[in-house]
Amino acid sequence: MKILTVTDIQKLVQIIGLENFLTHVISALEENFGRWNEFILSPRHGTYYPEGVIPRTIRSSPVKSTGTPKSCQ
C-alpha cells in the first residue's frame, strides 16, 4: 500500500495540473459513491503504520468484486 503524502499530491498536481487532478478525484468519488449499495457492510478498524493511523470510515469493497477493488489500485 502506498500512503500518499502532501508532497506526493503536490508533485502529481504539478505533473497533470490542478483542473485535471480535481476532475479525476471527482470522477473517482462519483463512481465509488454511485455504487455505495454494492459495498459490503462490516465494522472497520484503524490501520496502524509507522507514519500514523489510517481510519477506515467508509465501505471499501464492492460485493461483486473479484481481486483488488478499483479504489485500491
Protein backbone atom coordinates (compact mmCIF):
# COMPACT_ATOMS: atom_id res chain seq x y z
CA MET A 1 0.00 0.00 0.00
CA LYS A 2 1.27 3.48 -0.88
CA ILE A 3 0.48 6.22 1.59
CA LEU A 4 0.16 9.50 -0.29
CA THR A 5 1.83 12.44 1.37
CA VAL A 6 1.15 16.10 0.76
CA THR A 7 4.39 16.17 -1.24
CA ASP A 8 3.18 13.27 -3.43
CA ILE A 9 -0.07 15.10 -4.19
CA GLN A 10 1.78 18.35 -4.89
CA LYS A 11 4.02 16.56 -7.41
CA LEU A 12 1.02 14.92 -9.07
CA VAL A 13 -0.77 18.28 -9.39
CA GLN A 14 2.39 19.80 -10.90
CA ILE A 15 2.56 17.00 -13.47
CA ILE A 16 -1.10 16.78 -14.55
CA GLY A 17 -2.42 20.20 -13.48
CA LEU A 18 -4.93 21.14 -10.79
CA GLU A 19 -8.01 21.03 -13.02
CA ASN A 20 -7.13 17.56 -14.36
CA PHE A 21 -6.34 16.33 -10.83
CA LEU A 22 -9.67 17.57 -9.45
CA THR A 23 -11.55 16.12 -12.43
CA HIS A 24 -10.05 12.67 -11.70
CA VAL A 25 -10.75 12.91 -7.97
CA ILE A 26 -14.37 13.95 -8.53
CA SER A 27 -14.85 11.19 -11.12
CA ALA A 28 -13.49 8.54 -8.75
CA LEU A 29 -15.69 9.78 -5.90
CA GLU A 30 -18.80 9.80 -8.10
CA GLU A 31 -18.05 6.27 -9.34
CA ASN A 32 -17.45 4.87 -5.86
CA PHE A 33 -20.33 6.62 -4.10
CA GLY A 34 -22.63 5.80 -7.03
CA ARG A 35 -22.09 2.12 -6.17
CA TRP A 36 -22.50 2.63 -2.41
CA ASN A 37 -25.22 -0.01 -2.04
CA GLU A 38 -22.96 -2.68 -3.59
CA PHE A 39 -20.35 -2.41 -0.85
CA ILE A 40 -20.08 -4.94 1.98
CA LEU A 41 -21.32 -3.66 5.34
CA SER A 42 -18.87 -4.53 8.09
CA PRO A 43 -17.16 -2.82 11.02
CA ARG A 44 -13.92 -1.08 10.16
CA HIS A 45 -10.84 -0.54 12.24
CA GLY A 46 -7.87 1.78 12.16
CA THR A 47 -4.83 0.50 10.29
CA TYR A 48 -1.55 1.32 12.01
CA TYR A 49 1.55 2.35 10.06
CA PRO A 50 4.81 3.93 11.22
CA GLU A 51 3.55 7.22 9.76
CA GLY A 52 0.30 7.10 11.77
CA VAL A 53 -3.19 5.62 11.82
CA ILE A 54 -5.41 5.37 8.76
CA PRO A 55 -9.02 5.26 9.97
CA ARG A 56 -11.41 3.08 7.97
CA THR A 57 -14.64 5.03 7.96
CA ILE A 58 -16.12 4.11 4.56
CA ARG A 59 -17.05 0.92 2.81
CA SER A 60 -14.04 -0.32 0.89
CA SER A 61 -15.03 -3.38 -1.12
CA PRO A 62 -17.87 -4.00 -3.55
CA VAL A 63 -19.80 -7.24 -3.03
CA LYS A 64 -19.25 -8.46 -6.59
CA SER A 65 -15.55 -7.61 -6.62
CA THR A 66 -13.02 -10.06 -7.96
CA GLY A 67 -9.48 -9.28 -6.93
CA THR A 68 -8.44 -5.85 -5.73
CA PRO A 69 -11.18 -3.20 -5.51
CA LYS A 70 -10.64 -0.45 -8.08
CA SER A 71 -10.39 2.10 -5.28
CA CYS A 72 -7.25 0.29 -4.03
CA GLN A 73 -5.46 0.03 -7.39
